[in-house]
N, C-alpha and C. Protein backbone atom coordinates (compact mmCIF):
# COMPACT_ATOMS: atom_id res chain seq x y z
N MET A 1 101.42 184.12 155.65
CA MET A 1 100.24 185.21 155.02
C MET A 1 100.31 186.22 156.14
N LYS A 2 101.02 187.34 155.79
CA LYS A 2 100.99 188.46 156.57
C LYS A 2 99.67 188.88 156.84
N LEU A 3 98.92 189.02 158.19
CA LEU A 3 97.74 189.59 158.03
C LEU A 3 97.67 190.55 159.17
N LEU A 4 96.58 191.52 158.75
CA LEU A 4 96.18 192.61 160.07
C LEU A 4 95.04 191.82 160.42
N TRP A 5 94.93 191.64 161.76
CA TRP A 5 93.45 191.38 162.65
C TRP A 5 93.12 192.53 163.33
N VAL A 6 92.15 192.92 163.35
CA VAL A 6 91.11 193.83 164.01
C VAL A 6 90.59 192.88 164.75
N GLU A 7 90.66 193.15 165.91
CA GLU A 7 90.15 192.21 166.96
C GLU A 7 89.96 193.16 168.61
N ASP A 8 88.72 193.43 169.02
CA ASP A 8 88.95 193.66 170.11
C ASP A 8 88.64 192.93 171.45
N SER A 9 88.19 191.87 171.36
CA SER A 9 88.82 190.55 172.35
C SER A 9 89.83 189.76 172.58
N ALA A 10 90.79 190.48 173.33
CA ALA A 10 92.25 189.44 173.55
C ALA A 10 92.01 188.36 173.62
N ARG A 11 90.91 187.80 174.85
CA ARG A 11 90.72 186.48 175.07
C ARG A 11 90.51 185.90 173.75
N PHE A 12 89.73 185.82 172.86
CA PHE A 12 89.25 185.51 171.61
C PHE A 12 90.56 185.58 170.34
N ALA A 13 91.36 186.61 170.84
CA ALA A 13 92.35 186.73 169.60
C ALA A 13 93.78 185.57 170.09
N ARG A 14 93.71 185.45 171.25
CA ARG A 14 95.02 184.60 172.01
C ARG A 14 94.76 183.42 171.65
N VAL A 15 93.13 183.07 171.90
CA VAL A 15 92.96 181.31 171.91
C VAL A 15 92.55 181.34 170.67
N ALA A 16 92.02 181.77 169.67
CA ALA A 16 91.77 181.42 167.90
C ALA A 16 93.11 181.58 167.36
N GLY A 17 93.85 182.59 167.79
CA GLY A 17 95.33 183.16 166.78
C GLY A 17 96.22 181.93 167.47
N GLN A 18 96.12 181.02 168.39
CA GLN A 18 97.38 180.17 168.93
C GLN A 18 96.79 179.01 168.05
N GLU A 19 95.30 178.57 168.29
CA GLU A 19 95.12 177.12 167.70
C GLU A 19 94.80 177.65 166.24
N PHE A 20 94.30 178.48 165.64
CA PHE A 20 94.08 178.43 163.63
C PHE A 20 94.82 179.43 163.29
N LEU A 21 96.05 180.27 163.77
CA LEU A 21 96.52 181.20 162.66
C LEU A 21 98.16 181.33 163.39
N SER A 22 98.81 179.99 163.91
CA SER A 22 99.65 180.15 164.16
C SER A 22 100.94 179.75 162.65
N GLY A 23 100.55 179.48 161.97
CA GLY A 23 101.44 179.77 160.43
C GLY A 23 101.27 181.16 159.98
N HIS A 24 101.04 181.56 160.38
CA HIS A 24 100.49 183.22 159.80
C HIS A 24 101.67 183.90 160.66
N GLU A 25 102.08 185.24 159.90
CA GLU A 25 102.29 186.38 160.37
C GLU A 25 101.25 187.41 160.59
N ILE A 26 100.69 187.61 162.28
CA ILE A 26 99.63 188.43 162.54
C ILE A 26 100.22 189.60 163.29
N THR A 27 99.37 190.62 163.06
CA THR A 27 99.24 191.70 163.62
C THR A 27 97.85 192.37 164.06
N LEU A 28 97.98 192.22 165.74
CA LEU A 28 96.61 192.23 166.01
C LEU A 28 96.55 193.42 166.74
N VAL A 29 95.64 194.28 166.27
CA VAL A 29 95.11 195.38 166.95
C VAL A 29 93.44 195.69 167.44
N PRO A 30 93.49 196.77 168.41
CA PRO A 30 91.50 196.03 169.56
C PRO A 30 91.00 197.46 168.79
N SER A 31 91.30 198.14 167.43
CA SER A 31 90.61 199.32 167.05
C SER A 31 90.63 199.76 165.90
N LEU A 32 89.80 200.59 165.19
CA LEU A 32 89.66 201.08 163.80
C LEU A 32 91.08 201.84 163.75
N GLN A 33 91.42 202.89 164.97
CA GLN A 33 92.45 203.99 164.76
C GLN A 33 93.84 202.97 164.86
N ALA A 34 94.07 201.88 165.66
CA ALA A 34 95.11 201.16 165.55
C ALA A 34 95.06 200.46 164.11
N ALA A 35 93.98 199.94 163.43
CA ALA A 35 94.23 199.70 161.96
C ALA A 35 94.63 200.60 161.07
N ARG A 36 94.23 201.67 161.09
CA ARG A 36 94.50 202.70 160.49
C ARG A 36 96.05 202.75 160.60
N GLU A 37 96.78 202.86 161.29
CA GLU A 37 97.98 202.97 161.89
C GLU A 37 98.94 202.18 161.14
N ALA A 38 98.51 200.91 161.60
CA ALA A 38 99.26 199.69 161.07
C ALA A 38 99.13 199.64 159.43
N LEU A 39 97.94 200.12 158.89
CA LEU A 39 97.86 200.32 157.44
C LEU A 39 98.76 201.03 156.84
N ARG A 40 99.30 202.40 157.62
CA ARG A 40 99.90 203.80 156.81
C ARG A 40 101.52 202.58 157.21
N ALA A 41 102.16 201.76 157.99
CA ALA A 41 103.15 201.23 158.45
C ALA A 41 103.32 199.89 157.24
N TRP A 42 102.28 199.37 157.29
CA TRP A 42 103.29 198.08 157.00
C TRP A 42 102.04 197.13 155.87
N LYS A 43 102.28 196.59 154.87
CA LYS A 43 101.45 195.98 153.99
C LYS A 43 101.05 195.05 154.44
N PHE A 44 99.94 194.33 154.16
CA PHE A 44 99.57 193.11 155.00
C PHE A 44 99.01 192.48 153.01
N GLU A 45 98.45 191.17 153.44
CA GLU A 45 98.43 190.42 152.29
C GLU A 45 96.62 190.12 152.54
N GLY A 46 96.07 190.23 154.06
CA GLY A 46 95.00 190.07 153.70
C GLY A 46 94.53 190.74 155.62
N ILE A 47 93.20 190.30 155.56
CA ILE A 47 92.93 191.43 157.09
C ILE A 47 91.71 190.98 157.36
N LEU A 48 91.76 190.34 158.72
CA LEU A 48 90.67 190.31 159.32
C LEU A 48 89.71 190.75 160.46
N LEU A 49 88.86 191.11 159.68
CA LEU A 49 88.08 192.49 160.75
C LEU A 49 86.47 192.15 161.58
N ASP A 50 86.73 192.35 162.52
CA ASP A 50 85.67 192.26 163.68
C ASP A 50 84.51 193.96 163.25
N PHE A 51 83.40 193.03 163.31
CA PHE A 51 82.28 194.31 163.16
C PHE A 51 82.34 195.26 164.49
N ASP A 52 82.33 194.51 165.70
CA ASP A 52 81.71 195.71 166.75
C ASP A 52 83.34 195.80 167.28
N LEU A 53 84.04 197.09 167.20
CA LEU A 53 85.23 197.44 167.85
C LEU A 53 84.68 198.79 169.25
N GLU A 54 85.71 199.33 169.85
CA GLU A 54 85.57 199.82 170.63
C GLU A 54 85.85 201.34 170.49
N ASP A 55 86.28 201.90 168.95
CA ASP A 55 86.09 202.94 168.74
C ASP A 55 85.17 202.99 167.27
N GLY A 56 83.82 201.88 166.94
CA GLY A 56 83.13 202.01 166.16
C GLY A 56 83.05 200.91 165.19
N LYS A 57 82.63 200.72 164.02
CA LYS A 57 82.01 199.68 163.19
C LYS A 57 83.52 199.11 162.06
N GLY A 58 83.62 198.13 162.35
CA GLY A 58 84.60 197.51 161.12
C GLY A 58 84.31 197.88 159.77
N SER A 59 82.80 198.34 159.40
CA SER A 59 82.67 198.66 158.38
C SER A 59 83.21 199.89 157.63
N GLU A 60 83.79 200.46 158.87
CA GLU A 60 84.23 202.24 158.54
C GLU A 60 85.48 202.00 158.34
N LEU A 61 86.05 200.61 158.64
CA LEU A 61 87.86 200.59 157.72
C LEU A 61 87.72 199.97 156.04
N THR A 62 86.78 199.51 156.00
CA THR A 62 86.74 199.33 154.52
C THR A 62 87.25 200.31 153.07
N PRO A 63 86.80 201.57 153.27
CA PRO A 63 87.39 202.55 152.34
C PRO A 63 88.41 203.07 152.28
N ASP A 64 89.35 202.55 153.63
CA ASP A 64 90.20 202.84 153.59
C ASP A 64 91.08 201.82 152.83
N VAL A 65 90.58 200.65 153.11
CA VAL A 65 91.07 199.31 152.65
C VAL A 65 91.70 199.32 151.08
N GLN A 66 90.42 199.74 150.71
CA GLN A 66 89.70 199.82 149.15
C GLN A 66 90.63 200.71 148.08
N VAL A 67 91.31 201.75 148.72
CA VAL A 67 92.08 202.41 148.36
C VAL A 67 93.95 201.68 148.02
N LEU A 68 94.07 201.21 148.79
CA LEU A 68 95.54 200.06 148.97
C LEU A 68 95.91 199.60 148.04
N GLU A 69 97.05 200.02 147.89
CA GLU A 69 97.87 198.85 146.34
C GLU A 69 99.07 198.54 147.08
N PRO A 70 98.72 196.91 146.94
CA PRO A 70 97.98 196.02 146.66
C PRO A 70 97.03 196.37 147.69
N ARG A 71 95.72 196.09 147.13
CA ARG A 71 94.64 196.01 148.35
C ARG A 71 94.55 194.20 148.91
N PRO A 72 94.21 194.60 149.75
CA PRO A 72 94.72 193.25 150.80
C PRO A 72 93.13 192.84 150.75
N PHE A 73 92.96 191.37 150.66
CA PHE A 73 91.58 190.76 150.84
C PHE A 73 91.23 191.20 152.39
N ILE A 74 89.94 191.19 152.70
CA ILE A 74 88.99 191.51 153.90
C ILE A 74 88.30 190.30 154.07
N VAL A 75 88.50 189.95 155.48
CA VAL A 75 87.57 188.47 155.63
C VAL A 75 86.88 189.38 156.84
N ALA A 76 85.79 188.99 156.84
CA ALA A 76 84.93 189.89 158.01
C ALA A 76 84.52 188.57 159.10
N ALA A 77 85.20 189.07 160.25
CA ALA A 77 85.31 188.20 161.32
C ALA A 77 84.03 188.34 162.41
N SER A 78 82.91 188.23 162.44
CA SER A 78 81.97 188.94 163.73
C SER A 78 81.63 187.42 164.53
N ALA A 79 81.29 187.71 165.06
CA ALA A 79 80.22 186.77 166.05
C ALA A 79 79.11 186.62 165.50
N HIS A 80 78.65 188.07 164.66
CA HIS A 80 77.11 187.82 164.58
C HIS A 80 76.94 188.05 163.25
N THR A 81 75.98 187.46 162.55
CA THR A 81 75.71 187.43 161.15
C THR A 81 75.30 188.68 160.48
N GLU A 82 74.68 189.44 161.06
CA GLU A 82 74.40 190.97 160.63
C GLU A 82 75.65 191.74 160.76
N GLY A 83 76.65 191.96 161.88
CA GLY A 83 77.75 192.13 161.84
C GLY A 83 78.53 191.76 160.33
N ASN A 84 78.80 190.86 160.01
CA ASN A 84 79.06 190.01 158.87
C ASN A 84 78.70 190.19 157.67
N THR A 85 77.26 190.59 157.31
CA THR A 85 76.73 190.90 156.87
C THR A 85 77.13 192.30 156.08
N ALA A 86 76.94 193.26 157.05
CA ALA A 86 77.26 194.74 157.07
C ALA A 86 78.93 194.88 156.70
N LEU A 87 79.46 194.16 156.94
CA LEU A 87 80.92 194.30 156.29
C LEU A 87 81.28 194.01 155.15
N LEU A 88 80.42 192.66 154.78
CA LEU A 88 80.29 192.37 153.55
C LEU A 88 79.73 193.55 152.57
N GLU A 89 79.18 194.08 152.86
CA GLU A 89 78.06 195.03 151.64
C GLU A 89 79.26 196.27 152.01
N ALA A 90 80.10 196.72 152.88
CA ALA A 90 80.82 197.36 152.86
C ALA A 90 82.15 196.84 152.03
N GLY A 91 82.17 196.05 151.85
CA GLY A 91 82.94 195.72 151.04
C GLY A 91 84.13 194.91 151.06
N ALA A 92 83.71 193.73 152.55
CA ALA A 92 84.42 192.55 152.81
C ALA A 92 84.19 191.56 151.52
N ASP A 93 85.75 190.53 151.53
CA ASP A 93 85.63 189.73 150.21
C ASP A 93 84.74 188.51 150.62
N THR A 94 84.83 188.22 151.79
CA THR A 94 84.16 187.03 152.51
C THR A 94 84.05 186.85 153.67
N ALA A 95 83.30 185.98 154.22
CA ALA A 95 83.29 186.18 155.55
C ALA A 95 83.56 184.59 156.36
N CYS A 96 84.45 184.73 157.60
CA CYS A 96 84.04 183.58 158.96
C CYS A 96 83.79 184.09 159.93
N SER A 97 82.39 183.39 160.32
CA SER A 97 81.78 183.98 161.69
C SER A 97 83.01 183.32 162.70
N LYS A 98 82.58 183.79 163.85
CA LYS A 98 83.99 183.45 165.00
C LYS A 98 83.09 182.17 165.48
N LEU A 99 82.03 182.54 165.40
CA LEU A 99 81.37 180.70 166.32
C LEU A 99 81.82 179.61 164.92
N GLU A 100 82.47 179.86 163.81
CA GLU A 100 82.78 178.91 162.67
C GLU A 100 84.27 179.05 162.18
N PHE A 101 84.94 180.01 163.47
CA PHE A 101 86.38 180.22 163.38
C PHE A 101 87.56 178.29 162.90
N PHE A 102 87.15 177.90 163.19
CA PHE A 102 87.70 176.70 162.90
C PHE A 102 88.13 176.06 161.49
N LYS A 103 87.15 177.06 160.51
CA LYS A 103 87.09 177.38 159.08
C LYS A 103 87.83 178.69 158.48
N ILE A 104 89.17 179.10 159.75
CA ILE A 104 89.49 180.91 159.22
C ILE A 104 90.76 179.82 158.12
N GLY A 105 91.80 178.89 158.43
CA GLY A 105 92.44 178.00 157.52
C GLY A 105 91.63 178.49 155.83
N SER A 106 90.95 177.46 155.83
CA SER A 106 90.45 177.64 154.21
C SER A 106 89.81 179.07 153.75
N VAL A 107 89.01 179.38 154.45
CA VAL A 107 88.81 180.63 154.34
C VAL A 107 89.98 181.66 153.65
N LEU A 108 91.31 181.43 154.29
CA LEU A 108 92.07 182.37 153.35
C LEU A 108 92.63 181.99 152.28
N ALA A 109 93.28 180.54 152.61
CA ALA A 109 93.84 180.00 151.44
C ALA A 109 92.85 180.31 150.21
N ARG A 110 91.72 180.27 150.31
CA ARG A 110 90.73 180.32 149.06
C ARG A 110 90.57 181.71 148.36
N ALA A 111 90.41 182.62 149.76
CA ALA A 111 90.80 183.98 149.20
C ALA A 111 91.75 184.57 148.77
N GLN A 112 93.15 184.21 149.67
CA GLN A 112 94.49 184.18 148.87
C GLN A 112 94.53 183.95 147.11
N ALA A 113 94.10 182.62 146.99
CA ALA A 113 93.84 181.99 145.66
C ALA A 113 93.45 182.38 144.91
N GLN A 114 92.24 183.24 145.49
CA GLN A 114 91.23 184.08 144.11
C GLN A 114 91.66 185.16 144.00
N ARG A 115 92.54 185.83 145.06
CA ARG A 115 93.30 187.20 144.57
C ARG A 115 93.77 186.83 143.70
N GLU A 116 95.20 186.06 143.70
CA GLU A 116 96.48 185.40 142.93
C GLU A 116 96.08 185.33 141.30
N ALA A 117 94.74 185.09 141.46
CA ALA A 117 93.60 184.85 139.86
C ALA A 117 94.19 185.66 138.97
N PHE A 118 94.44 186.38 139.69
CA PHE A 118 94.27 188.24 138.82
C PHE A 118 95.98 188.95 138.85
N CYS A 119 96.38 189.61 137.85
CA CYS A 119 97.64 189.68 137.53
C CYS A 119 97.53 190.88 138.33
N CYS A 120 96.92 191.94 138.68
CA CYS A 120 97.11 193.13 138.63
C CYS A 120 96.04 193.54 139.82
N GLY A 121 96.40 194.06 141.15
CA GLY A 121 95.47 194.82 142.04
C GLY A 121 94.25 195.74 141.34
N ALA A 122 94.60 196.46 140.25
CA ALA A 122 93.58 196.84 139.15
C ALA A 122 92.51 196.38 138.85
N CYS A 123 93.01 195.23 137.87
CA CYS A 123 91.77 194.09 138.20
C CYS A 123 90.87 193.82 138.90
N TRP A 124 91.70 193.79 139.89
CA TRP A 124 90.74 192.94 141.19
C TRP A 124 89.98 193.71 141.79
N LYS A 125 90.48 195.03 142.11
CA LYS A 125 89.31 196.25 142.77
C LYS A 125 88.16 196.45 141.43
N ARG A 126 88.71 196.62 140.16
CA ARG A 126 87.61 196.66 139.55
C ARG A 126 86.87 195.72 139.68
N LEU A 127 86.94 194.37 139.64
CA LEU A 127 85.73 193.09 139.64
C LEU A 127 85.19 193.47 141.11
N LEU A 128 85.94 193.65 142.18
CA LEU A 128 85.32 193.99 143.40
C LEU A 128 84.26 194.56 143.19
N SER A 129 84.67 195.91 142.92
CA SER A 129 83.86 196.86 143.08
C SER A 129 82.11 197.05 142.03
N SER A 130 82.57 196.09 140.89
CA SER A 130 81.87 196.02 140.14
C SER A 130 81.05 195.36 140.05
N TYR A 131 81.47 193.95 141.01
CA TYR A 131 80.76 192.35 140.99
C TYR A 131 80.67 191.54 139.44
N ARG A 132 80.86 192.51 138.67
CA ARG A 132 81.17 191.71 137.27
C ARG A 132 82.17 192.32 136.40
N ALA A 133 82.90 191.43 135.77
CA ALA A 133 84.05 192.08 134.82
C ALA A 133 83.34 191.91 133.75
N THR A 134 83.03 192.99 132.52
CA THR A 134 82.78 192.98 131.17
C THR A 134 83.90 193.31 130.54
N ARG A 135 83.59 193.19 129.12
CA ARG A 135 84.78 193.26 128.03
C ARG A 135 84.68 194.85 128.16
N SER A 136 83.36 195.35 128.16
CA SER A 136 83.63 196.46 128.05
C SER A 136 84.34 197.86 129.05
N GLN A 137 85.01 197.48 129.91
CA GLN A 137 85.84 197.70 131.01
C GLN A 137 87.35 197.79 130.16
N PRO A 138 87.77 198.98 129.89
CA PRO A 138 89.22 198.49 129.41
C PRO A 138 89.95 198.48 130.12
N CYS A 139 91.15 197.50 130.08
CA CYS A 139 91.98 197.36 131.12
C CYS A 139 93.26 196.70 130.14
N SER A 140 94.84 197.36 130.80
CA SER A 140 96.04 197.14 129.78
C SER A 140 96.15 195.79 130.11
N SER A 141 95.42 194.74 131.55
CA SER A 141 96.57 193.80 131.55
C SER A 141 95.59 192.75 131.04
N GLU A 142 96.28 191.40 131.04
CA GLU A 142 95.97 190.19 130.58
C GLU A 142 94.67 189.28 131.31
N CYS A 143 94.95 190.13 132.51
CA CYS A 143 93.68 188.93 133.10
C CYS A 143 92.39 189.39 132.65
N MET A 144 92.25 190.40 132.67
CA MET A 144 91.13 191.25 132.82
C MET A 144 90.31 190.89 131.30
N LYS A 145 91.60 191.00 130.51
CA LYS A 145 91.12 191.03 128.88
C LYS A 145 90.94 189.34 128.61
N SER A 146 90.96 188.69 129.42
CA SER A 146 90.88 187.34 129.18
C SER A 146 89.81 186.80 129.76
N LEU A 147 89.15 187.35 130.99
CA LEU A 147 87.83 187.02 131.73
C LEU A 147 86.34 186.44 130.93
N SER A 148 86.04 185.77 130.84
CA SER A 148 84.17 185.68 130.55
C SER A 148 83.61 187.13 131.08
N PRO A 149 82.72 187.46 130.07
CA PRO A 149 81.64 188.73 130.68
C PRO A 149 80.49 187.91 131.78
N GLU A 150 80.59 186.75 131.99
CA GLU A 150 79.78 186.26 132.87
C GLU A 150 80.63 185.68 134.21
N LEU A 151 81.45 186.02 134.14
CA LEU A 151 82.25 186.08 135.44
C LEU A 151 81.77 186.81 136.76
N SER A 152 81.67 186.13 137.90
CA SER A 152 80.88 186.78 139.09
C SER A 152 81.55 186.29 140.05
N LEU A 153 81.53 187.45 141.23
CA LEU A 153 81.94 186.98 142.56
C LEU A 153 81.55 186.01 143.65
N SER A 154 80.06 185.50 143.25
CA SER A 154 79.75 184.31 143.67
C SER A 154 80.45 182.97 144.57
N PRO A 155 81.78 182.66 143.96
CA PRO A 155 82.38 182.12 144.21
C PRO A 155 83.34 182.61 145.77
N ILE A 156 83.44 183.80 145.63
CA ILE A 156 84.26 184.31 146.63
C ILE A 156 82.86 184.36 147.64
N LEU A 157 82.11 185.27 147.33
CA LEU A 157 81.06 185.37 148.37
C LEU A 157 80.72 184.36 149.36
N ALA A 158 81.10 183.38 148.58
CA ALA A 158 80.46 181.86 148.97
C ALA A 158 81.68 181.11 150.29
N ILE A 159 82.83 181.58 149.91
CA ILE A 159 83.62 181.08 150.43
C ILE A 159 83.22 180.81 152.17
N SER A 160 82.54 181.60 152.53
CA SER A 160 82.18 181.21 154.26
C SER A 160 81.53 179.90 154.31
N SER A 161 80.39 179.61 153.21
CA SER A 161 79.60 178.66 153.65
C SER A 161 79.87 177.17 152.80
N THR A 162 81.42 177.51 152.55
CA THR A 162 81.58 176.48 152.15
C THR A 162 82.50 175.19 152.81
N PRO A 163 82.09 173.80 152.92
CA PRO A 163 82.74 173.25 154.15
C PRO A 163 84.34 173.61 154.24
N ALA A 164 84.74 173.09 155.22
CA ALA A 164 85.98 173.36 155.49
C ALA A 164 87.06 171.57 154.78
């Protein structure tokens, strides 16, 4: 999986990357500015996003990601509950605390599977932005037409609390 990892702790990234992310293609950047440059240059399937960065808060990047097509999923990856909560509120799809980073493999697999369950990025963005898919939202794609009006994002948002 091609991932952008926005993390300013080089030591954590080195150790955790070798231990838990060795099977992925990782682009590691330490700042919001570098993340924006990477997003302009390459396409990613997912983004691991820390909250406290040298040039701002990770939540400042989520609006930039929301407009990308295809939209990569975002995993909030802060050591602090408050940081992960702020990232989720800003548009991250799920969270994996640095304190439980050993779970990142299963978090990534579930986020990717959830993303692939939808046939188009437009439906995925609509579902994420509204938190509820309803038949009243017109869509030309078959995936949205076939969804139950009661479908919610609770399985996506609960990924970080699911045992690995």
